[in-house]
Amino acid sequence: MARVLTQKEAKQLGLAGRKSLEIVSGEKGSESVTLRLVEIPVPKTGEAPRGPHYHQGFEECIYVLSGAGRTCADSGDYPLTPGDTILIPSGEKHVTRNTGFEPLVLLCFFPVSDIRKGSVEN
């Protein structure tokens, strides 16, 4: 049965260096999808950047809603602007950072219902 999941029902995650709302996941009844709305703030002077992470066994697809950023991955550095999408292969270390003057807002899609099982922070 189809369902509408609202942003106010999303689970707030306490992830370092960003605001992250988990809108769809196994906890919400999904069999094979996780969708997150992520906001990365403008970095503060002297703030240590967040380190890379990777996902073992599944890809990550990131769509940029607003702001400017850069994904630093094993395969290179990729500038991002609104409307861009980056597909990150399974096992590739990466981190997305804000390079602009306003929050970087992203939709992050994973083809699994629970990304915690395959996500590794470095």
PDB file of N, CA and C in Angstrom:
ATOM      1  N   MET A   1       0.837  -1.172   0.000  1.00  0.00           N
ATOM      2  CA  MET A   1       0.000   0.000   0.000  1.00  0.00           C
ATOM      3  C   MET A   1       0.891   1.247   0.000  1.00  0.00           C
ATOM      4  N   ALA A   2       0.569   2.214  -0.830  1.00  0.00           N
ATOM      5  CA  ALA A   2       1.311   3.473  -0.884  1.00  0.00           C
ATOM      6  C   ALA A   2       1.117   4.248   0.416  1.00  0.00           C
ATOM      7  N   ARG A   3       2.135   5.042   0.773  1.00  0.00           N
ATOM      8  CA  ARG A   3       2.077   5.875   1.978  1.00  0.00           C
ATOM      9  C   ARG A   3       2.731   7.206   1.707  1.00  0.00           C
ATOM     10  N   VAL A   4       2.250   8.228   2.349  1.00  0.00           N
ATOM     11  CA  VAL A   4       2.903   9.532   2.324  1.00  0.00           C
ATOM     12  C   VAL A   4       3.660   9.675   3.631  1.00  0.00           C
ATOM     13  N   LEU A   5       4.945   9.972   3.521  1.00  0.00           N
ATOM     14  CA  LEU A   5       5.787  10.186   4.695  1.00  0.00           C
ATOM     15  C   LEU A   5       6.165  11.660   4.718  1.00  0.00           C
ATOM     16  N   THR A   6       5.824  12.350   5.778  1.00  0.00           N
ATOM     17  CA  THR A   6       6.084  13.780   5.848  1.00  0.00           C
ATOM     18  C   THR A   6       7.425  14.062   6.521  1.00  0.00           C
ATOM     19  N   GLN A   7       7.954  15.237   6.235  1.00  0.00           N
ATOM     20  CA  GLN A   7       9.234  15.619   6.824  1.00  0.00           C
ATOM     21  C   GLN A   7       9.136  15.713   8.342  1.00  0.00           C
ATOM     22  N   LYS A   8       7.980  16.131   8.862  1.00  0.00           N
ATOM     23  CA  LYS A   8       7.859  16.247  10.320  1.00  0.00           C
ATOM     24  C   LYS A   8       7.883  14.878  11.004  1.00  0.00           C
ATOM     25  N   GLU A   9       7.615  13.802  10.264  1.00  0.00           N
ATOM     26  CA  GLU A   9       7.676  12.446  10.804  1.00  0.00           C
ATOM     27  C   GLU A   9       9.076  11.830  10.700  1.00  0.00           C
ATOM     28  N   ALA A  10       9.984  12.518  10.002  1.00  0.00           N
ATOM     29  CA  ALA A  10      11.324  11.985   9.770  1.00  0.00           C
ATOM     30  C   ALA A  10      12.101  11.860  11.074  1.00  0.00           C
ATOM     31  N   LYS A  11      12.972  10.886  11.109  1.00  0.00           N
ATOM     32  CA  LYS A  11      13.819  10.652  12.278  1.00  0.00           C
ATOM     33  C   LYS A  11      15.048  11.552  12.198  1.00  0.00           C
ATOM     34  N   GLN A  12      15.272  12.358  13.242  1.00  0.00           N
ATOM     35  CA  GLN A  12      16.466  13.197  13.289  1.00  0.00           C
ATOM     36  C   GLN A  12      17.640  12.350  13.756  1.00  0.00           C
ATOM     37  N   LEU A  13      18.698  12.376  12.959  1.00  0.00           N
ATOM     38  CA  LEU A  13      19.892  11.601  13.276  1.00  0.00           C
ATOM     39  C   LEU A  13      20.950  12.530  13.846  1.00  0.00           C
ATOM     40  N   GLY A  14      21.670  12.082  14.821  1.00  0.00           N
ATOM     41  CA  GLY A  14      22.721  12.887  15.442  1.00  0.00           C
ATOM     42  C   GLY A  14      24.059  12.648  14.786  1.00  0.00           C
ATOM     43  N   LEU A  15      24.162  12.986  13.500  1.00  0.00           N
ATOM     44  CA  LEU A  15      25.404  12.752  12.768  1.00  0.00           C
ATOM     45  C   LEU A  15      26.308  13.975  12.847  1.00  0.00           C
ATOM     46  N   ALA A  16      27.592  13.746  12.978  1.00  0.00           N
ATOM     47  CA  ALA A  16      28.561  14.826  13.138  1.00  0.00           C
ATOM     48  C   ALA A  16      28.626  15.715  11.901  1.00  0.00           C
ATOM     49  N   GLY A  17      28.666  17.020  12.131  1.00  0.00           N
ATOM     50  CA  GLY A  17      28.913  17.973  11.079  1.00  0.00           C
ATOM     51  C   GLY A  17      27.768  18.250  10.123  1.00  0.00           C
ATOM     52  N   ARG A  18      26.580  17.749  10.423  1.00  0.00           N
ATOM     53  CA  ARG A  18      25.451  17.958   9.519  1.00  0.00           C
ATOM     54  C   ARG A  18      24.143  17.653  10.225  1.00  0.00           C
ATOM     55  N   LYS A  19      23.061  18.218   9.685  1.00  0.00           N
ATOM     56  CA  LYS A  19      21.720  17.841  10.120  1.00  0.00           C
ATOM     57  C   LYS A  19      21.249  16.770   9.153  1.00  0.00           C
ATOM     58  N   SER A  20      20.679  15.719   9.664  1.00  0.00           N
ATOM     59  CA  SER A  20      20.236  14.633   8.800  1.00  0.00           C
ATOM     60  C   SER A  20      18.888  14.122   9.274  1.00  0.00           C
ATOM     61  N   LEU A  21      17.931  14.116   8.355  1.00  0.00           N
ATOM     62  CA  LEU A  21      16.603  13.580   8.620  1.00  0.00           C
ATOM     63  C   LEU A  21      16.415  12.323   7.790  1.00  0.00           C
ATOM     64  N   GLU A  22      16.129  11.216   8.442  1.00  0.00           N
ATOM     65  CA  GLU A  22      15.848   9.975   7.722  1.00  0.00           C
ATOM     66  C   GLU A  22      14.348   9.919   7.467  1.00  0.00           C
ATOM     67  N   ILE A  23      13.977  10.120   6.203  1.00  0.00           N
ATOM     68  CA  ILE A  23      12.576  10.200   5.808  1.00  0.00           C
ATOM     69  C   ILE A  23      12.002   8.818   5.554  1.00  0.00           C
ATOM     70  N   VAL A  24      12.758   7.986   4.845  1.00  0.00           N
ATOM     71  CA  VAL A  24      12.336   6.622   4.503  1.00  0.00           C
ATOM     72  C   VAL A  24      13.443   5.662   4.915  1.00  0.00           C
ATOM     73  N   SER A  25      13.065   4.547   5.519  1.00  0.00           N
ATOM     74  CA  SER A  25      14.010   3.489   5.886  1.00  0.00           C
ATOM     75  C   SER A  25      13.212   2.271   6.329  1.00  0.00           C
ATOM     76  N   GLY A  26      13.905   1.251   6.707  1.00  0.00           N
ATOM     77  CA  GLY A  26      13.247   0.054   7.219  1.00  0.00           C
ATOM     78  C   GLY A  26      12.393   0.350   8.440  1.00  0.00           C
ATOM     79  N   GLU A  27      12.830   1.310   9.264  1.00  0.00           N
ATOM     80  CA  GLU A  27      12.050   1.696  10.444  1.00  0.00           C
ATOM     81  C   GLU A  27      10.687   2.266  10.069  1.00  0.00           C
ATOM     82  N   LYS A  28      10.587   2.824   8.865  1.00  0.00           N
ATOM     83  CA  LYS A  28       9.319   3.393   8.382  1.00  0.00           C
ATOM     84  C   LYS A  28       8.563   2.410   7.491  1.00  0.00           C
ATOM     85  N   GLY A  29       9.064   1.177   7.377  1.00  0.00           N
ATOM     86  CA  GLY A  29       8.370   0.152   6.615  1.00  0.00           C
ATOM     87  C   GLY A  29       8.927  -0.134   5.236  1.00  0.00           C
ATOM     88  N   SER A  30      10.030   0.514   4.864  1.00  0.00           N
ATOM     89  CA  SER A  30      10.633   0.263   3.556  1.00  0.00           C
ATOM     90  C   SER A  30      11.329  -1.096   3.535  1.00  0.00           C
ATOM     91  N   GLU A  31      11.217  -1.783   2.422  1.00  0.00           N
ATOM     92  CA  GLU A  31      11.907  -3.062   2.256  1.00  0.00           C
ATOM     93  C   GLU A  31      13.310  -2.895   1.681  1.00  0.00           C
ATOM     94  N   SER A  32      13.541  -1.816   0.893  1.00  0.00           N
ATOM     95  CA  SER A  32      14.835  -1.723   0.225  1.00  0.00           C
ATOM     96  C   SER A  32      15.267  -0.301  -0.136  1.00  0.00           C
ATOM     97  N   VAL A  33      14.819   0.693   0.626  1.00  0.00           N
ATOM     98  CA  VAL A  33      15.177   2.080   0.329  1.00  0.00           C
ATOM     99  C   VAL A  33      15.420   2.854   1.621  1.00  0.00           C
ATOM    100  N   THR A  34      16.464   3.694   1.598  1.00  0.00           N
ATOM    101  CA  THR A  34      16.659   4.711   2.627  1.00  0.00           C
ATOM    102  C   THR A  34      16.796   6.045   1.906  1.00  0.00           C
ATOM    103  N   LEU A  35      16.079   7.053   2.397  1.00  0.00           N
ATOM    104  CA  LEU A  35      16.153   8.401   1.845  1.00  0.00           C
ATOM    105  C   LEU A  35      16.373   9.367   2.992  1.00  0.00           C
ATOM    106  N   ARG A  36      17.401  10.197   2.843  1.00  0.00           N
ATOM    107  CA  ARG A  36      17.724  11.186   3.869  1.00  0.00           C
ATOM    108  C   ARG A  36      17.778  12.583   3.270  1.00  0.00           C
ATOM    109  N   LEU A  37      17.324  13.551   4.051  1.00  0.00           N
ATOM    110  CA  LEU A  37      17.477  14.966   3.731  1.00  0.00           C
ATOM    111  C   LEU A  37      18.603  15.462   4.625  1.00  0.00           C
ATOM    112  N   VAL A  38      19.669  15.962   4.002  1.00  0.00           N
ATOM    113  CA  VAL A  38      20.873  16.345   4.745  1.00  0.00           C
ATOM    114  C   VAL A  38      21.178  17.812   4.500  1.00  0.00           C
ATOM    115  N   GLU A  39      21.511  18.511   5.579  1.00  0.00           N
ATOM    116  CA  GLU A  39      21.927  19.913   5.483  1.00  0.00           C
ATOM    117  C   GLU A  39      23.311  20.041   6.102  1.00  0.00           C
ATOM    118  N   ILE A  40      24.266  20.482   5.280  1.00  0.00           N
ATOM    119  CA  ILE A  40      25.635  20.690   5.743  1.00  0.00           C
ATOM    120  C   ILE A  40      25.839  22.195   5.883  1.00  0.00           C
ATOM    121  N   PRO A  41      26.112  22.673   7.101  1.00  0.00           N
ATOM    122  CA  PRO A  41      26.243  24.120   7.309  1.00  0.00           C
ATOM    123  C   PRO A  41      27.529  24.675   6.694  1.00  0.00           C
ATOM    124  N   VAL A  42      27.575  25.988   6.577  1.00  0.00           N
ATOM    125  CA  VAL A  42      28.797  26.671   6.162  1.00  0.00           C
ATOM    126  C   VAL A  42      29.828  26.409   7.256  1.00  0.00           C
ATOM    127  N   PRO A  43      31.037  25.966   6.886  1.00  0.00           N
ATOM    128  CA  PRO A  43      32.036  25.684   7.931  1.00  0.00           C
ATOM    129  C   PRO A  43      32.456  26.946   8.666  1.00  0.00           C
ATOM    130  N   LYS A  44      32.696  26.779   9.954  1.00  0.00           N
ATOM    131  CA  LYS A  44      33.166  27.885  10.792  1.00  0.00           C
ATOM    132  C   LYS A  44      34.690  27.939  10.723  1.00  0.00           C
ATOM    133  N   THR A  45      35.244  29.124  10.846  1.00  0.00           N
ATOM    134  CA  THR A  45      36.694  29.306  10.824  1.00  0.00           C
ATOM    135  C   THR A  45      37.347  28.432  11.888  1.00  0.00           C
ATOM    136  N   GLY A  46      38.351  27.673  11.492  1.00  0.00           N
ATOM    137  CA  GLY A  46      39.084  26.820  12.416  1.00  0.00           C
ATOM    138  C   GLY A  46      38.432  25.486  12.719  1.00  0.00           C
ATOM    139  N   GLU A  47      37.249  25.258  12.196  1.00  0.00           N
ATOM    140  CA  GLU A  47      36.531  24.007  12.443  1.00  0.00           C
ATOM    141  C   GLU A  47      37.199  22.859  11.679  1.00  0.00           C
ATOM    142  N   ALA A  48      37.448  21.764  12.368  1.00  0.00           N
ATOM    143  CA  ALA A  48      38.063  20.594  11.728  1.00  0.00           C
ATOM    144  C   ALA A  48      37.048  19.937  10.797  1.00  0.00           C
ATOM    145  N   PRO A  49      37.460  19.636   9.568  1.00  0.00           N
ATOM    146  CA  PRO A  49      36.519  19.001   8.636  1.00  0.00           C
ATOM    147  C   PRO A  49      36.219  17.553   9.027  1.00  0.00           C
ATOM    148  N   ARG A  50      35.021  17.134   8.685  1.00  0.00           N
ATOM    149  CA  ARG A  50      34.596  15.758   8.930  1.00  0.00           C
ATOM    150  C   ARG A  50      35.384  14.831   8.007  1.00  0.00           C
ATOM    151  N   GLY A  51      35.715  13.650   8.488  1.00  0.00           N
ATOM    152  CA  GLY A  51      36.471  12.681   7.698  1.00  0.00           C
ATOM    153  C   GLY A  51      35.585  11.878   6.768  1.00  0.00           C
ATOM    154  N   PRO A  52      36.212  11.134   5.853  1.00  0.00           N
ATOM    155  CA  PRO A  52      35.452  10.334   4.899  1.00  0.00           C
ATOM    156  C   PRO A  52      34.830   9.087   5.529  1.00  0.00           C
ATOM    157  N   HIS A  53      33.905   8.501   4.775  1.00  0.00           N
ATOM    158  CA  HIS A  53      33.260   7.246   5.160  1.00  0.00           C
ATOM    159  C   HIS A  53      33.000   6.463   3.881  1.00  0.00           C
ATOM    160  N   TYR A  54      32.525   5.239   4.021  1.00  0.00           N
ATOM    161  CA  TYR A  54      32.134   4.468   2.847  1.00  0.00           C
ATOM    162  C   TYR A  54      31.005   3.520   3.213  1.00  0.00           C
ATOM    163  N   HIS A  55      30.381   2.980   2.175  1.00  0.00           N
ATOM    164  CA  HIS A  55      29.268   2.051   2.339  1.00  0.00           C
ATOM    165  C   HIS A  55      29.646   0.748   1.644  1.00  0.00           C
ATOM    166  N   GLN A  56      29.686  -0.325   2.400  1.00  0.00           N
ATOM    167  CA  GLN A  56      30.064  -1.623   1.853  1.00  0.00           C
ATOM    168  C   GLN A  56      28.815  -2.379   1.414  1.00  0.00           C
ATOM    169  N   GLY A  57      28.743  -2.713   0.131  1.00  0.00           N
ATOM    170  CA  GLY A  57      27.642  -3.528  -0.365  1.00  0.00           C
ATOM    171  C   GLY A  57      26.522  -2.754  -1.024  1.00  0.00           C
ATOM    172  N   PHE A  58      26.623  -1.412  -1.050  1.00  0.00           N
ATOM    173  CA  PHE A  58      25.596  -0.619  -1.727  1.00  0.00           C
ATOM    174  C   PHE A  58      26.132   0.758  -2.098  1.00  0.00           C
ATOM    175  N   GLU A  59      25.513   1.346  -3.118  1.00  0.00           N
ATOM    176  CA  GLU A  59      25.877   2.666  -3.607  1.00  0.00           C
ATOM    177  C   GLU A  59      25.176   3.750  -2.792  1.00  0.00           C
ATOM    178  N   GLU A  60      25.641   4.991  -2.988  1.00  0.00           N
ATOM    179  CA  GLU A  60      24.943   6.163  -2.470  1.00  0.00           C
ATOM    180  C   GLU A  60      24.734   7.118  -3.639  1.00  0.00           C
ATOM    181  N   CYS A  61      23.546   7.656  -3.737  1.00  0.00           N
ATOM    182  CA  CYS A  61      23.206   8.616  -4.776  1.00  0.00           C
ATOM    183  C   CYS A  61      22.812   9.917  -4.072  1.00  0.00           C
ATOM    184  N   ILE A  62      23.510  11.013  -4.396  1.00  0.00           N
ATOM    185  CA  ILE A  62      23.278  12.305  -3.748  1.00  0.00           C
ATOM    186  C   ILE A  62      22.790  13.305  -4.788  1.00  0.00           C
ATOM    187  N   TYR A  63      21.660  13.951  -4.493  1.00  0.00           N
ATOM    188  CA  TYR A  63      21.105  14.997  -5.350  1.00  0.00           C
ATOM    189  C   TYR A  63      21.186  16.322  -4.601  1.00  0.00           C
ATOM    190  N   VAL A  64      21.709  17.359  -5.250  1.00  0.00           N
ATOM    191  CA  VAL A  64      21.885  18.664  -4.611  1.00  0.00           C
ATOM    192  C   VAL A  64      20.637  19.516  -4.814  1.00  0.00           C
ATOM    193  N   LEU A  65      19.987  19.879  -3.708  1.00  0.00           N
ATOM    194  CA  LEU A  65      18.816  20.754  -3.752  1.00  0.00           C
ATOM    195  C   LEU A  65      19.212  22.227  -3.771  1.00  0.00           C
ATOM    196  N   SER A  66      20.161  22.614  -2.897  1.00  0.00           N
ATOM    197  CA  SER A  66      20.596  24.005  -2.851  1.00  0.00           C
ATOM    198  C   SER A  66      21.982  24.094  -2.216  1.00  0.00           C
ATOM    199  N   GLY A  67      22.647  25.222  -2.478  1.00  0.00           N
ATOM    200  CA  GLY A  67      23.977  25.445  -1.941  1.00  0.00           C
ATOM    201  C   GLY A  67      25.059  24.991  -2.911  1.00  0.00           C
ATOM    202  N   ALA A  68      26.289  25.077  -2.458  1.00  0.00           N
ATOM    203  CA  ALA A  68      27.441  24.647  -3.253  1.00  0.00           C
ATOM    204  C   ALA A  68      28.318  23.766  -2.389  1.00  0.00           C
ATOM    205  N   GLY A  69      28.881  22.730  -2.998  1.00  0.00           N
ATOM    206  CA  GLY A  69      29.713  21.816  -2.229  1.00  0.00           C
ATOM    207  C   GLY A  69      30.696  21.074  -3.099  1.00  0.00           C
ATOM    208  N   ARG A  70      31.363  20.138  -2.469  1.00  0.00           N
ATOM    209  CA  ARG A  70      32.355  19.315  -3.147  1.00  0.00           C
ATOM    210  C   ARG A  70      32.353  17.955  -2.475  1.00  0.00           C
ATOM    211  N   THR A  71      32.282  16.911  -3.292  1.00  0.00           N
ATOM    212  CA  THR A  71      32.466  15.566  -2.770  1.00  0.00           C
ATOM    213  C   THR A  71      33.897  15.154  -3.063  1.00  0.00           C
ATOM    214  N   CYS A  72      34.634  14.831  -2.010  1.00  0.00           N
ATOM    215  CA  CYS A  72      36.000  14.336  -2.123  1.00  0.00           C
ATOM    216  C   CYS A  72      35.916  12.821  -1.980  1.00  0.00           C
ATOM    217  N   ALA A  73      36.321  12.108  -3.028  1.00  0.00           N
ATOM    218  CA  ALA A  73      36.216  10.651  -3.056  1.00  0.00           C
ATOM    219  C   ALA A  73      37.548  10.048  -3.471  1.00  0.00           C
ATOM    220  N   ASP A  74      37.673   8.736  -3.307  1.00  0.00           N
ATOM    221  CA  ASP A  74      38.886   8.046  -3.740  1.00  0.00           C
ATOM    222  C   ASP A  74      39.200   8.333  -5.208  1.00  0.00           C
ATOM    223  N   SER A  75      38.171   8.482  -6.022  1.00  0.00           N
ATOM    224  CA  SER A  75      38.362   8.656  -7.466  1.00  0.00           C
ATOM    225  C   SER A  75      38.567  10.108  -7.891  1.00  0.00           C
ATOM    226  N   GLY A  76      38.458  11.073  -6.977  1.00  0.00           N
ATOM    227  CA  GLY A  76      38.677  12.474  -7.322  1.00  0.00           C
ATOM    228  C   GLY A  76      37.804  13.412  -6.513  1.00  0.00           C
ATOM    229  N   ASP A  77      37.904  14.699  -6.847  1.00  0.00           N
ATOM    230  CA  ASP A  77      37.099  15.739  -6.207  1.00  0.00           C
ATOM    231  C   ASP A  77      36.066  16.224  -7.215  1.00  0.00           C
ATOM    232  N   TYR A  78      34.805  16.343  -6.744  1.00  0.00           N
ATOM    233  CA  TYR A  78      33.695  16.658  -7.629  1.00  0.00           C
ATOM    234  C   TYR A  78      32.930  17.867  -7.101  1.00  0.00           C
ATOM    235  N   PRO A  79      32.999  19.026  -7.818  1.00  0.00           N
ATOM    236  CA  PRO A  79      32.205  20.181  -7.403  1.00  0.00           C
ATOM    237  C   PRO A  79      30.724  19.902  -7.639  1.00  0.00           C
ATOM    238  N   LEU A  80      29.877  20.428  -6.742  1.00  0.00           N
ATOM    239  CA  LEU A  80      28.438  20.186  -6.812  1.00  0.00           C
ATOM    240  C   LEU A  80      27.666  21.492  -6.700  1.00  0.00           C
ATOM    241  N   THR A  81      26.647  21.638  -7.538  1.00  0.00           N
ATOM    242  CA  THR A  81      25.746  22.783  -7.499  1.00  0.00           C
ATOM    243  C   THR A  81      24.316  22.267  -7.608  1.00  0.00           C
ATOM    244  N   PRO A  82      23.318  23.101  -7.321  1.00  0.00           N
ATOM    245  CA  PRO A  82      21.924  22.645  -7.372  1.00  0.00           C
ATOM    246  C   PRO A  82      21.576  21.964  -8.696  1.00  0.00           C
ATOM    247  N   GLY A  83      20.904  20.838  -8.589  1.00  0.00           N
ATOM    248  CA  GLY A  83      20.511  20.049  -9.751  1.00  0.00           C
ATOM    249  C   GLY A  83      21.494  18.956 -10.101  1.00  0.00           C
ATOM    250  N   ASP A  84      22.697  18.982  -9.517  1.00  0.00           N
ATOM    251  CA  ASP A  84      23.692  17.939  -9.772  1.00  0.00           C
ATOM    252  C   ASP A  84      23.362  16.689  -8.972  1.00  0.00           C
ATOM    253  N   THR A  85      23.768  15.558  -9.514  1.00  0.00           N
ATOM    254  CA  THR A  85      23.649  14.269  -8.832  1.00  0.00           C
ATOM    255  C   THR A  85      25.000  13.582  -8.917  1.00  0.00           C
ATOM    256  N   ILE A  86      25.430  12.981  -7.815  1.00  0.00           N
ATOM    257  CA  ILE A  86      26.656  12.191  -7.826  1.00  0.00           C
ATOM    258  C   ILE A  86      26.320  10.790  -7.341  1.00  0.00           C
ATOM    259  N   LEU A  87      26.827   9.793  -8.057  1.00  0.00           N
ATOM    260  CA  LEU A  87      26.644   8.388  -7.704  1.00  0.00           C
ATOM    261  C   LEU A  87      27.975   7.858  -7.196  1.00  0.00           C
ATOM    262  N   ILE A  88      27.976   7.377  -5.967  1.00  0.00           N
ATOM    263  CA  ILE A  88      29.201   6.903  -5.332  1.00  0.00           C
ATOM    264  C   ILE A  88      29.135   5.384  -5.222  1.00  0.00           C
ATOM    265  N   PRO A  89      30.103   4.689  -5.829  1.00  0.00           N
ATOM    266  CA  PRO A  89      30.084   3.227  -5.802  1.00  0.00           C
ATOM    267  C   PRO A  89      30.296   2.650  -4.402  1.00  0.00           C
ATOM    268  N   SER A  90      29.842   1.444  -4.232  1.00  0.00           N
ATOM    269  CA  SER A  90      30.067   0.696  -3.001  1.00  0.00           C
ATOM    270  C   SER A  90      31.560   0.628  -2.701  1.00  0.00           C
ATOM    271  N   GLY A  91      31.920   0.883  -1.443  1.00  0.00           N
ATOM    272  CA  GLY A  91      33.305   0.750  -1.002  1.00  0.00           C
ATOM    273  C   GLY A  91      34.184   1.961  -1.253  1.00  0.00           C
ATOM    274  N   GLU A  92      33.704   2.977  -2.001  1.00  0.00           N
ATOM    275  CA  GLU A  92      34.534   4.153  -2.274  1.00  0.00           C
ATOM    276  C   GLU A  92      34.432   5.149  -1.119  1.00  0.00           C
ATOM    277  N   LYS A  93      35.578   5.476  -0.524  1.00  0.00           N
ATOM    278  CA  LYS A  93      35.601   6.460   0.559  1.00  0.00           C
ATOM    279  C   LYS A  93      35.238   7.827  -0.012  1.00  0.00           C
ATOM    280  N   HIS A  94      34.419   8.577   0.754  1.00  0.00           N
ATOM    281  CA  HIS A  94      33.976   9.880   0.293  1.00  0.00           C
ATOM    282  C   HIS A  94      33.500  10.740   1.461  1.00  0.00           C
ATOM    283  N   VAL A  95      33.479  12.047   1.213  1.00  0.00           N
ATOM    284  CA  VAL A  95      32.901  13.011   2.138  1.00  0.00           C
ATOM    285  C   VAL A  95      32.427  14.191   1.298  1.00  0.00           C
ATOM    286  N   THR A  96      31.270  14.738   1.647  1.00  0.00           N
ATOM    287  CA  THR A  96      30.748  15.909   0.952  1.00  0.00           C
ATOM    288  C   THR A  96      30.829  17.092   1.895  1.00  0.00           C
ATOM    289  N   ARG A  97      31.408  18.181   1.384  1.00  0.00           N
ATOM    290  CA  ARG A  97      31.614  19.372   2.198  1.00  0.00           C
ATOM    291  C   ARG A  97      30.953  20.584   1.558  1.00  0.00           C
ATOM    292  N   ASN A  98      30.563  21.521   2.391  1.00  0.00           N
ATOM    293  CA  ASN A  98      29.985  22.777   1.941  1.00  0.00           C
ATOM    294  C   ASN A  98      31.124  23.706   1.526  1.00  0.00           C
ATOM    295  N   THR A  99      31.046  24.257   0.311  1.00  0.00           N
ATOM    296  CA  THR A  99      32.054  25.205  -0.157  1.00  0.00           C
ATOM    297  C   THR A  99      31.446  26.579  -0.429  1.00  0.00           C
ATOM    298  N   GLY A 100      30.200  26.774  -0.048  1.00  0.00           N
ATOM    299  CA  GLY A 100      29.498  28.016  -0.350  1.00  0.00           C
ATOM    300  C   GLY A 100      29.269  28.882   0.867  1.00  0.00           C
ATOM    301  N   PHE A 101      28.290  29.776   0.724  1.00  0.00           N
ATOM    302  CA  PHE A 101      27.992  30.767   1.760  1.00  0.00           C
ATOM    303  C   PHE A 101      26.603  30.567   2.356  1.00  0.00           C
ATOM    304  N   GLU A 102      25.974  29.460   2.054  1.00  0.00           N
ATOM    305  CA  GLU A 102      24.665  29.091   2.597  1.00  0.00           C
ATOM    306  C   GLU A 102      24.688  27.589   2.842  1.00  0.00           C
ATOM    307  N   PRO A 103      23.739  27.054   3.611  1.00  0.00           N
ATOM    308  CA  PRO A 103      23.729  25.608   3.844  1.00  0.00           C
ATOM    309  C   PRO A 103      23.665  24.827   2.528  1.00  0.00           C
ATOM    310  N   LEU A 104      24.359  23.712   2.493  1.00  0.00           N
ATOM    311  CA  LEU A 104      24.315  22.778   1.373  1.00  0.00           C
ATOM    312  C   LEU A 104      23.241  21.752   1.712  1.00  0.00           C
ATOM    313  N   VAL A 105      22.183  21.674   0.886  1.00  0.00           N
ATOM    314  CA  VAL A 105      21.051  20.797   1.168  1.00  0.00           C
ATOM    315  C   VAL A 105      21.012  19.686   0.123  1.00  0.00           C
ATOM    316  N   LEU A 106      20.976  18.444   0.608  1.00  0.00           N
ATOM    317  CA  LEU A 106      21.084  17.260  -0.241  1.00  0.00           C
ATOM    318  C   LEU A 106      19.972  16.260   0.038  1.00  0.00           C
ATOM    319  N   LEU A 107      19.584  15.509  -0.994  1.00  0.00           N
ATOM    320  CA  LEU A 107      18.795  14.295  -0.819  1.00  0.00           C
ATOM    321  C   LEU A 107      19.746  13.134  -1.056  1.00  0.00           C
ATOM    322  N   CYS A 108      19.848  12.230  -0.093  1.00  0.00           N
ATOM    323  CA  CYS A 108      20.755  11.088  -0.183  1.00  0.00           C
ATOM    324  C   CYS A 108      19.936   9.812  -0.235  1.00  0.00           C
ATOM    325  N   PHE A 109      20.131   9.050  -1.302  1.00  0.00           N
ATOM    326  CA  PHE A 109      19.375   7.818  -1.541  1.00  0.00           C
ATOM    327  C   PHE A 109      20.302   6.618  -1.450  1.00  0.00           C
ATOM    328  N   PHE A 110      19.825   5.579  -0.778  1.00  0.00           N
ATOM    329  CA  PHE A 110      20.563   4.324  -0.633  1.00  0.00           C
ATOM    330  C   PHE A 110      19.615   3.172  -0.980  1.00  0.00           C
ATOM    331  N   PRO A 111      20.041   2.189  -1.764  1.00  0.00           N
ATOM    332  CA  PRO A 111      19.155   1.092  -2.163  1.00  0.00           C
ATOM    333  C   PRO A 111      19.082  -0.050  -1.137  1.00  0.00           C
ATOM    334  N   VAL A 112      19.056   0.324   0.140  1.00  0.00           N
ATOM    335  CA  VAL A 112      18.904  -0.643   1.238  1.00  0.00           C
ATOM    336  C   VAL A 112      18.033   0.003   2.313  1.00  0.00           C
ATOM    337  N   SER A 113      17.385  -0.804   3.111  1.00  0.00           N
ATOM    338  CA  SER A 113      16.479  -0.251   4.126  1.00  0.00           C
ATOM    339  C   SER A 113      17.184   0.155   5.420  1.00  0.00           C
ATOM    340  N   ASP A 114      18.442  -0.282   5.610  1.00  0.00           N
ATOM    341  CA  ASP A 114      19.190   0.070   6.824  1.00  0.00           C
ATOM    342  C   ASP A 114      20.649   0.264   6.441  1.00  0.00           C
ATOM    343  N   ILE A 115      21.080   1.519   6.334  1.00  0.00           N
ATOM    344  CA  ILE A 115      22.460   1.757   5.887  1.00  0.00           C
ATOM    345  C   ILE A 115      23.488   1.565   6.996  1.00  0.00           C
ATOM    346  N   ARG A 116      23.035   1.489   8.229  1.00  0.00           N
ATOM    347  CA  ARG A 116      23.990   1.342   9.346  1.00  0.00           C
ATOM    348  C   ARG A 116      24.803   0.053   9.223  1.00  0.00           C
ATOM    349  N   LYS A 117      24.210  -0.980   8.667  1.00  0.00           N
ATOM    350  CA  LYS A 117      24.905  -2.280   8.582  1.00  0.00           C
ATOM    351  C   LYS A 117      26.128  -2.242   7.676  1.00  0.00           C
ATOM    352  N   GLY A 118      26.152  -1.350   6.669  1.00  0.00           N
ATOM    353  CA  GLY A 118      27.267  -1.331   5.735  1.00  0.00           C
ATOM    354  C   GLY A 118      28.041  -0.034   5.692  1.00  0.00           C
ATOM    355  N   SER A 119      27.757   0.892   6.612  1.00  0.00           N
ATOM    356  CA  SER A 119      28.437   2.184   6.605  1.00  0.00           C
ATOM    357  C   SER A 119      29.596   2.181   7.591  1.00  0.00           C
ATOM    358  N   VAL A 120      30.756   2.690   7.120  1.00  0.00           N
ATOM    359  CA  VAL A 120      31.953   2.698   7.937  1.00  0.00           C
ATOM    360  C   VAL A 120      32.530   4.110   7.943  1.00  0.00           C
ATOM    361  N   GLU A 121      32.619   4.719   9.133  1.00  0.00           N
ATOM    362  CA  GLU A 121      33.231   6.037   9.293  1.00  0.00           C
ATOM    363  C   GLU A 121      34.739   5.838   9.472  1.00  0.00           C
ATOM    364  N   ASN A 122      35.516   6.724   8.890  1.00  0.00           N
ATOM    365  CA  ASN A 122      36.975   6.650   9.060  1.00  0.00           C
ATOM    366  C   ASN A 122      37.443   7.652  10.069  1.00  0.00           C
TER     367      ASN A 122
END
